[in-house]
PDB file of N, CA and C in Angstrom:
ATOM      1  N   MET A   1     122.647 113.975  28.544  1.00  0.00           N
ATOM      2  CA  MET A   1     123.554 112.880  28.244  1.00  0.00           C
ATOM      3  C   MET A   1     124.148 112.350  29.557  1.00  0.00           C
ATOM      4  N   ASN A   2     124.183 111.084  29.706  1.00  0.00           N
ATOM      5  CA  ASN A   2     124.722 110.448  30.895  1.00  0.00           C
ATOM      6  C   ASN A   2     126.226 110.246  30.715  1.00  0.00           C
ATOM      7  N   MET A   3     127.014 111.018  31.478  1.00  0.00           N
ATOM      8  CA  MET A   3     128.474 110.940  31.346  1.00  0.00           C
ATOM      9  C   MET A   3     129.024 109.623  31.875  1.00  0.00           C
ATOM     10  N   ASP A   4     128.237 108.921  32.717  1.00  0.00           N
ATOM     11  CA  ASP A   4     128.695 107.633  33.236  1.00  0.00           C
ATOM     12  C   ASP A   4     128.975 106.637  32.114  1.00  0.00           C
ATOM     13  N   LEU A   5     128.334 106.825  30.980  1.00  0.00           N
ATOM     14  CA  LEU A   5     128.548 105.917  29.851  1.00  0.00           C
ATOM     15  C   LEU A   5     129.975 106.013  29.318  1.00  0.00           C
ATOM     16  N   PHE A   6     130.626 107.143  29.574  1.00  0.00           N
ATOM     17  CA  PHE A   6     131.960 107.378  29.031  1.00  0.00           C
ATOM     18  C   PHE A   6     133.068 107.158  30.056  1.00  0.00           C
ATOM     19  N   MET A   7     132.700 106.740  31.254  1.00  0.00           N
ATOM     20  CA  MET A   7     133.698 106.571  32.318  1.00  0.00           C
ATOM     21  C   MET A   7     133.722 105.126  32.796  1.00  0.00           C
ATOM     22  N   ASN A   8     134.924 104.672  33.088  1.00  0.00           N
ATOM     23  CA  ASN A   8     135.034 103.359  33.707  1.00  0.00           C
ATOM     24  C   ASN A   8     134.756 103.518  35.199  1.00  0.00           C
ATOM     25  N   PRO A   9     134.621 102.430  35.952  1.00  0.00           N
ATOM     26  CA  PRO A   9     134.277 102.542  37.379  1.00  0.00           C
ATOM     27  C   PRO A   9     135.264 103.380  38.190  1.00  0.00           C
ATOM     28  N   VAL A  10     136.541 103.292  37.882  1.00  0.00           N
ATOM     29  CA  VAL A  10     137.536 104.085  38.617  1.00  0.00           C
ATOM     30  C   VAL A  10     137.322 105.571  38.358  1.00  0.00           C
ATOM     31  N   GLU A  11     137.079 105.928  37.091  1.00  0.00           N
ATOM     32  CA  GLU A  11     136.838 107.331  36.757  1.00  0.00           C
ATOM     33  C   GLU A  11     135.547 107.838  37.396  1.00  0.00           C
ATOM     34  N   ARG A  12     134.512 106.996  37.428  1.00  0.00           N
ATOM     35  CA  ARG A  12     133.253 107.391  38.065  1.00  0.00           C
ATOM     36  C   ARG A  12     133.464 107.655  39.553  1.00  0.00           C
ATOM     37  N   GLN A  13     134.238 106.780  40.214  1.00  0.00           N
ATOM     38  CA  GLN A  13     134.509 106.980  41.641  1.00  0.00           C
ATOM     39  C   GLN A  13     135.318 108.249  41.867  1.00  0.00           C
ATOM     40  N   ARG A  14     136.293 108.488  41.001  1.00  0.00           N
ATOM     41  CA  ARG A  14     137.115 109.698  41.130  1.00  0.00           C
ATOM     42  C   ARG A  14     136.264 110.949  40.942  1.00  0.00           C
ATOM     43  N   ALA A  15     135.350 110.908  39.963  1.00  0.00           N
ATOM     44  CA  ALA A  15     134.457 112.042  39.739  1.00  0.00           C
ATOM     45  C   ALA A  15     133.534 112.246  40.935  1.00  0.00           C
ATOM     46  N   ALA A  16     133.016 111.155  41.503  1.00  0.00           N
ATOM     47  CA  ALA A  16     132.151 111.256  42.674  1.00  0.00           C
ATOM     48  C   ALA A  16     132.913 111.852  43.846  1.00  0.00           C
ATOM     49  N   THR A  17     134.159 111.424  44.029  1.00  0.00           N
ATOM     50  CA  THR A  17     135.002 111.965  45.093  1.00  0.00           C
ATOM     51  C   THR A  17     135.227 113.454  44.879  1.00  0.00           C
ATOM     52  N   TYR A  18     135.514 113.835  43.637  1.00  0.00           N
ATOM     53  CA  TYR A  18     135.740 115.238  43.295  1.00  0.00           C
ATOM     54  C   TYR A  18     134.516 116.082  43.653  1.00  0.00           C
ATOM     55  N   TYR A  19     133.346 115.645  43.217  1.00  0.00           N
ATOM     56  CA  TYR A  19     132.144 116.429  43.472  1.00  0.00           C
ATOM     57  C   TYR A  19     131.823 116.503  44.960  1.00  0.00           C
ATOM     58  N   GLN A  20     132.074 115.432  45.687  1.00  0.00           N
ATOM     59  CA  GLN A  20     131.860 115.460  47.134  1.00  0.00           C
ATOM     60  C   GLN A  20     132.816 116.452  47.792  1.00  0.00           C
ATOM     61  N   GLN A  21     134.075 116.436  47.361  1.00  0.00           N
ATOM     62  CA  GLN A  21     135.043 117.367  47.929  1.00  0.00           C
ATOM     63  C   GLN A  21     134.699 118.808  47.573  1.00  0.00           C
ATOM     64  N   MET A  22     134.184 119.033  46.381  1.00  0.00           N
ATOM     65  CA  MET A  22     133.773 120.384  45.994  1.00  0.00           C
ATOM     66  C   MET A  22     132.656 120.871  46.901  1.00  0.00           C
ATOM     67  N   ASN A  23     131.712 119.997  47.191  1.00  0.00           N
ATOM     68  CA  ASN A  23     130.630 120.373  48.097  1.00  0.00           C
ATOM     69  C   ASN A  23     131.156 120.638  49.497  1.00  0.00           C
ATOM     70  N   ASP A  24     132.055 119.794  49.971  1.00  0.00           N
ATOM     71  CA  ASP A  24     132.643 119.979  51.301  1.00  0.00           C
ATOM     72  C   ASP A  24     133.425 121.280  51.375  1.00  0.00           C
ATOM     73  N   MET A  25     134.146 121.601  50.312  1.00  0.00           N
ATOM     74  CA  MET A  25     135.003 122.784  50.318  1.00  0.00           C
ATOM     75  C   MET A  25     134.208 124.073  50.158  1.00  0.00           C
ATOM     76  N   ALA A  26     132.969 123.976  49.730  1.00  0.00           N
ATOM     77  CA  ALA A  26     132.162 125.185  49.609  1.00  0.00           C
ATOM     78  C   ALA A  26     132.066 125.882  50.966  1.00  0.00           C
ATOM     79  N   ASP A  27     132.065 125.087  52.022  1.00  0.00           N
ATOM     80  CA  ASP A  27     132.022 125.652  53.365  1.00  0.00           C
ATOM     81  C   ASP A  27     133.406 125.980  53.896  1.00  0.00           C
ATOM     82  N   GLU A  28     134.408 125.226  53.475  1.00  0.00           N
ATOM     83  CA  GLU A  28     135.780 125.411  53.950  1.00  0.00           C
ATOM     84  C   GLU A  28     136.641 125.948  52.820  1.00  0.00           C
ATOM     85  N   ARG A  29     136.484 127.201  52.520  1.00  0.00           N
ATOM     86  CA  ARG A  29     137.213 127.774  51.393  1.00  0.00           C
ATOM     87  C   ARG A  29     138.435 128.512  51.890  1.00  0.00           C
ATOM     88  N   SER A  30     139.495 127.749  52.141  1.00  0.00           N
ATOM     89  CA  SER A  30     140.734 128.387  52.564  1.00  0.00           C
ATOM     90  C   SER A  30     141.890 127.832  51.735  1.00  0.00           C
ATOM     91  N   CYS A  31     142.883 128.670  51.553  1.00  0.00           N
ATOM     92  CA  CYS A  31     144.061 128.317  50.775  1.00  0.00           C
ATOM     93  C   CYS A  31     144.868 127.251  51.521  1.00  0.00           C
ATOM     94  N   LYS A  32     145.260 126.225  50.825  1.00  0.00           N
ATOM     95  CA  LYS A  32     146.045 125.145  51.424  1.00  0.00           C
ATOM     96  C   LYS A  32     147.387 125.654  51.951  1.00  0.00           C
ATOM     97  N   PHE A  33     147.945 126.687  51.328  1.00  0.00           N
ATOM     98  CA  PHE A  33     149.267 127.170  51.706  1.00  0.00           C
ATOM     99  C   PHE A  33     149.227 128.241  52.799  1.00  0.00           C
ATOM    100  N   CYS A  34     148.420 129.284  52.618  1.00  0.00           N
ATOM    101  CA  CYS A  34     148.428 130.393  53.591  1.00  0.00           C
ATOM    102  C   CYS A  34     147.294 130.303  54.607  1.00  0.00           C
ATOM    103  N   GLN A  35     146.361 129.406  54.378  1.00  0.00           N
ATOM    104  CA  GLN A  35     145.218 129.181  55.275  1.00  0.00           C
ATOM    105  C   GLN A  35     144.229 130.353  55.324  1.00  0.00           C
ATOM    106  N   LYS A  36     144.433 131.387  54.498  1.00  0.00           N
ATOM    107  CA  LYS A  36     143.476 132.490  54.462  1.00  0.00           C
ATOM    108  C   LYS A  36     142.274 132.079  53.621  1.00  0.00           C
ATOM    109  N   GLN A  37     141.144 132.707  53.919  1.00  0.00           N
ATOM    110  CA  GLN A  37     139.919 132.378  53.202  1.00  0.00           C
ATOM    111  C   GLN A  37     140.017 132.792  51.737  1.00  0.00           C
ATOM    112  N   ILE A  38     139.481 131.942  50.876  1.00  0.00           N
ATOM    113  CA  ILE A  38     139.378 132.277  49.460  1.00  0.00           C
ATOM    114  C   ILE A  38     138.017 132.927  49.273  1.00  0.00           C
ATOM    115  N   THR A  39     138.030 134.157  48.811  1.00  0.00           N
ATOM    116  CA  THR A  39     136.803 134.944  48.708  1.00  0.00           C
ATOM    117  C   THR A  39     136.177 134.812  47.326  1.00  0.00           C
ATOM    118  N   ASP A  40     134.942 135.268  47.236  1.00  0.00           N
ATOM    119  CA  ASP A  40     134.273 135.304  45.933  1.00  0.00           C
ATOM    120  C   ASP A  40     135.050 136.205  44.982  1.00  0.00           C
ATOM    121  N   GLN A  41     135.639 137.278  45.513  1.00  0.00           N
ATOM    122  CA  GLN A  41     136.426 138.188  44.673  1.00  0.00           C
ATOM    123  C   GLN A  41     137.663 137.480  44.123  1.00  0.00           C
ATOM    124  N   ASP A  42     138.303 136.620  44.922  1.00  0.00           N
ATOM    125  CA  ASP A  42     139.438 135.837  44.427  1.00  0.00           C
ATOM    126  C   ASP A  42     139.012 134.994  43.223  1.00  0.00           C
ATOM    127  N   GLN A  43     137.844 134.371  43.344  1.00  0.00           N
ATOM    128  CA  GLN A  43     137.362 133.538  42.247  1.00  0.00           C
ATOM    129  C   GLN A  43     137.016 134.383  41.028  1.00  0.00           C
ATOM    130  N   GLU A  44     136.329 135.493  41.237  1.00  0.00           N
ATOM    131  CA  GLU A  44     135.934 136.364  40.126  1.00  0.00           C
ATOM    132  C   GLU A  44     137.143 136.913  39.390  1.00  0.00           C
ATOM    133  N   ASN A  45     138.218 137.212  40.124  1.00  0.00           N
ATOM    134  CA  ASN A  45     139.424 137.788  39.530  1.00  0.00           C
ATOM    135  C   ASN A  45     140.434 136.734  39.106  1.00  0.00           C
ATOM    136  N   ASN A  46     140.031 135.463  39.158  1.00  0.00           N
ATOM    137  CA  ASN A  46     140.924 134.351  38.811  1.00  0.00           C
ATOM    138  C   ASN A  46     142.214 134.374  39.627  1.00  0.00           C
ATOM    139  N   ASN A  47     142.084 134.697  40.917  1.00  0.00           N
ATOM    140  CA  ASN A  47     143.236 134.709  41.818  1.00  0.00           C
ATOM    141  C   ASN A  47     143.363 133.409  42.597  1.00  0.00           C
ATOM    142  N   MET A  48     142.605 132.392  42.203  1.00  0.00           N
ATOM    143  CA  MET A  48     142.685 131.101  42.876  1.00  0.00           C
ATOM    144  C   MET A  48     142.580 129.996  41.834  1.00  0.00           C
ATOM    145  N   THR A  49     142.981 128.808  42.237  1.00  0.00           N
ATOM    146  CA  THR A  49     142.899 127.670  41.341  1.00  0.00           C
ATOM    147  C   THR A  49     142.682 126.421  42.182  1.00  0.00           C
ATOM    148  N   MET A  50     142.446 125.329  41.509  1.00  0.00           N
ATOM    149  CA  MET A  50     142.271 124.054  42.195  1.00  0.00           C
ATOM    150  C   MET A  50     143.496 123.194  41.920  1.00  0.00           C
ATOM    151  N   LEU A  51     143.956 122.503  42.937  1.00  0.00           N
ATOM    152  CA  LEU A  51     145.055 121.555  42.795  1.00  0.00           C
ATOM    153  C   LEU A  51     144.544 120.169  43.116  1.00  0.00           C
ATOM    154  N   GLN A  52     145.084 119.191  42.419  1.00  0.00           N
ATOM    155  CA  GLN A  52     144.745 117.817  42.749  1.00  0.00           C
ATOM    156  C   GLN A  52     146.009 117.093  43.177  1.00  0.00           C
ATOM    157  N   SER A  53     145.937 116.445  44.323  1.00  0.00           N
ATOM    158  CA  SER A  53     147.033 115.590  44.772  1.00  0.00           C
ATOM    159  C   SER A  53     146.405 114.244  45.081  1.00  0.00           C
ATOM    160  N   SER A  54     146.744 113.259  44.309  1.00  0.00           N
ATOM    161  CA  SER A  54     146.106 111.942  44.340  1.00  0.00           C
ATOM    162  C   SER A  54     144.609 112.137  44.178  1.00  0.00           C
ATOM    163  N   ASP A  55     143.812 111.741  45.150  1.00  0.00           N
ATOM    164  CA  ASP A  55     142.368 111.908  45.020  1.00  0.00           C
ATOM    165  C   ASP A  55     141.851 113.131  45.761  1.00  0.00           C
ATOM    166  N   CYS A  56     142.745 113.967  46.277  1.00  0.00           N
ATOM    167  CA  CYS A  56     142.357 115.169  47.009  1.00  0.00           C
ATOM    168  C   CYS A  56     142.364 116.375  46.081  1.00  0.00           C
ATOM    169  N   PHE A  57     141.485 117.297  46.350  1.00  0.00           N
ATOM    170  CA  PHE A  57     141.472 118.564  45.637  1.00  0.00           C
ATOM    171  C   PHE A  57     141.608 119.678  46.670  1.00  0.00           C
ATOM    172  N   HIS A  58     142.385 120.696  46.340  1.00  0.00           N
ATOM    173  CA  HIS A  58     142.619 121.806  47.253  1.00  0.00           C
ATOM    174  C   HIS A  58     142.449 123.117  46.499  1.00  0.00           C
ATOM    175  N   GLN A  59     141.906 124.108  47.178  1.00  0.00           N
ATOM    176  CA  GLN A  59     141.849 125.451  46.621  1.00  0.00           C
ATOM    177  C   GLN A  59     143.078 126.198  47.112  1.00  0.00           C
ATOM    178  N   VAL A  60     143.697 126.955  46.230  1.00  0.00           N
ATOM    179  CA  VAL A  60     144.876 127.733  46.605  1.00  0.00           C
ATOM    180  C   VAL A  60     144.857 129.065  45.866  1.00  0.00           C
ATOM    181  N   HIS A  61     145.468 130.060  46.500  1.00  0.00           N
ATOM    182  CA  HIS A  61     145.696 131.324  45.804  1.00  0.00           C
ATOM    183  C   HIS A  61     146.816 131.086  44.784  1.00  0.00           C
ATOM    184  N   ILE A  62     146.700 131.662  43.632  1.00  0.00           N
ATOM    185  CA  ILE A  62     147.712 131.469  42.588  1.00  0.00           C
ATOM    186  C   ILE A  62     149.072 131.982  43.058  1.00  0.00           C
ATOM    187  N   GLU A  63     149.106 133.116  43.740  1.00  0.00           N
ATOM    188  CA  GLU A  63     150.377 133.641  44.235  1.00  0.00           C
ATOM    189  C   GLU A  63     151.007 132.694  45.256  1.00  0.00           C
ATOM    190  N   CYS A  64     150.189 132.082  46.100  1.00  0.00           N
ATOM    191  CA  CYS A  64     150.716 131.118  47.080  1.00  0.00           C
ATOM    192  C   CYS A  64     151.290 129.896  46.359  1.00  0.00           C
ATOM    193  N   LEU A  65     150.616 129.473  45.305  1.00  0.00           N
ATOM    194  CA  LEU A  65     151.099 128.348  44.511  1.00  0.00           C
ATOM    195  C   LEU A  65     152.449 128.683  43.876  1.00  0.00           C
ATOM    196  N   LYS A  66     152.560 129.874  43.312  1.00  0.00           N
ATOM    197  CA  LYS A  66     153.829 130.295  42.698  1.00  0.00           C
ATOM    198  C   LYS A  66     154.948 130.335  43.736  1.00  0.00           C
ATOM    199  N   GLU A  67     154.666 130.940  44.880  1.00  0.00           N
ATOM    200  CA  GLU A  67     155.679 131.037  45.938  1.00  0.00           C
ATOM    201  C   GLU A  67     156.121 129.650  46.397  1.00  0.00           C
ATOM    202  N   ASN A  68     155.159 128.745  46.562  1.00  0.00           N
ATOM    203  CA  ASN A  68     155.484 127.388  46.997  1.00  0.00           C
ATOM    204  C   ASN A  68     156.314 126.665  45.947  1.00  0.00           C
ATOM    205  N   ALA A  69     155.972 126.836  44.670  1.00  0.00           N
ATOM    206  CA  ALA A  69     156.716 126.182  43.590  1.00  0.00           C
ATOM    207  C   ALA A  69     158.148 126.711  43.527  1.00  0.00           C
ATOM    208  N   ILE A  70     158.326 128.014  43.670  1.00  0.00           N
ATOM    209  CA  ILE A  70     159.669 128.615  43.650  1.00  0.00           C
ATOM    210  C   ILE A  70     160.482 128.110  44.830  1.00  0.00           C
ATOM    211  N   LYS A  71     159.867 128.058  45.999  1.00  0.00           N
ATOM    212  CA  LYS A  71     160.564 127.563  47.192  1.00  0.00           C
ATOM    213  C   LYS A  71     160.999 126.117  47.009  1.00  0.00           C
ATOM    214  N   LYS A  72     160.073 125.274  46.535  1.00  0.00           N
ATOM    215  CA  LYS A  72     160.412 123.849  46.327  1.00  0.00           C
ATOM    216  C   LYS A  72     161.527 123.705  45.292  1.00  0.00           C
ATOM    217  N   TYR A  73     161.441 124.458  44.194  1.00  0.00           N
ATOM    218  CA  TYR A  73     162.438 124.393  43.138  1.00  0.00           C
ATOM    219  C   TYR A  73     163.802 124.829  43.669  1.00  0.00           C
ATOM    220  N   SER A  74     163.838 125.905  44.461  1.00  0.00           N
ATOM    221  CA  SER A  74     165.111 126.407  44.981  1.00  0.00           C
ATOM    222  C   SER A  74     165.729 125.425  45.985  1.00  0.00           C
ATOM    223  N   GLU A  75     164.904 124.601  46.593  1.00  0.00           N
ATOM    224  CA  GLU A  75     165.399 123.594  47.532  1.00  0.00           C
ATOM    225  C   GLU A  75     165.599 122.228  46.865  1.00  0.00           C
ATOM    226  N   ASN A  76     165.579 122.235  45.531  1.00  0.00           N
ATOM    227  CA  ASN A  76     165.747 121.013  44.735  1.00  0.00           C
ATOM    228  C   ASN A  76     164.748 119.928  45.092  1.00  0.00           C
ATOM    229  N   GLU A  77     163.548 120.344  45.452  1.00  0.00           N
ATOM    230  CA  GLU A  77     162.471 119.393  45.740  1.00  0.00           C
ATOM    231  C   GLU A  77     161.556 119.315  44.530  1.00  0.00           C
ATOM    232  N   GLN A  78     160.782 118.246  44.475  1.00  0.00           N
ATOM    233  CA  GLN A  78     159.841 118.071  43.370  1.00  0.00           C
ATOM    234  C   GLN A  78     158.752 119.109  43.483  1.00  0.00           C
ATOM    235  N   VAL A  79     158.466 119.778  42.380  1.00  0.00           N
ATOM    236  CA  VAL A  79     157.414 120.801  42.350  1.00  0.00           C
ATOM    237  C   VAL A  79     156.124 120.138  41.937  1.00  0.00           C
TER     238      VAL A  79
END
């Protein structure tokens, strides 16, 4: 089934951007917050997740995400 039939041009471009970034990140697998490498074990154990900010996607450790969210919340910043 061709998924392009169900997407408007903006969604198709966003999906293309996503897939390109996924390919790019396969080589650069580091956490956006701590900069440590995200390992295959992190992925297998569900210790990482993907974040989207505008059209960017980032891999992060879940614990780093939690720590960052708590820090932002405690500083009355948008989480």
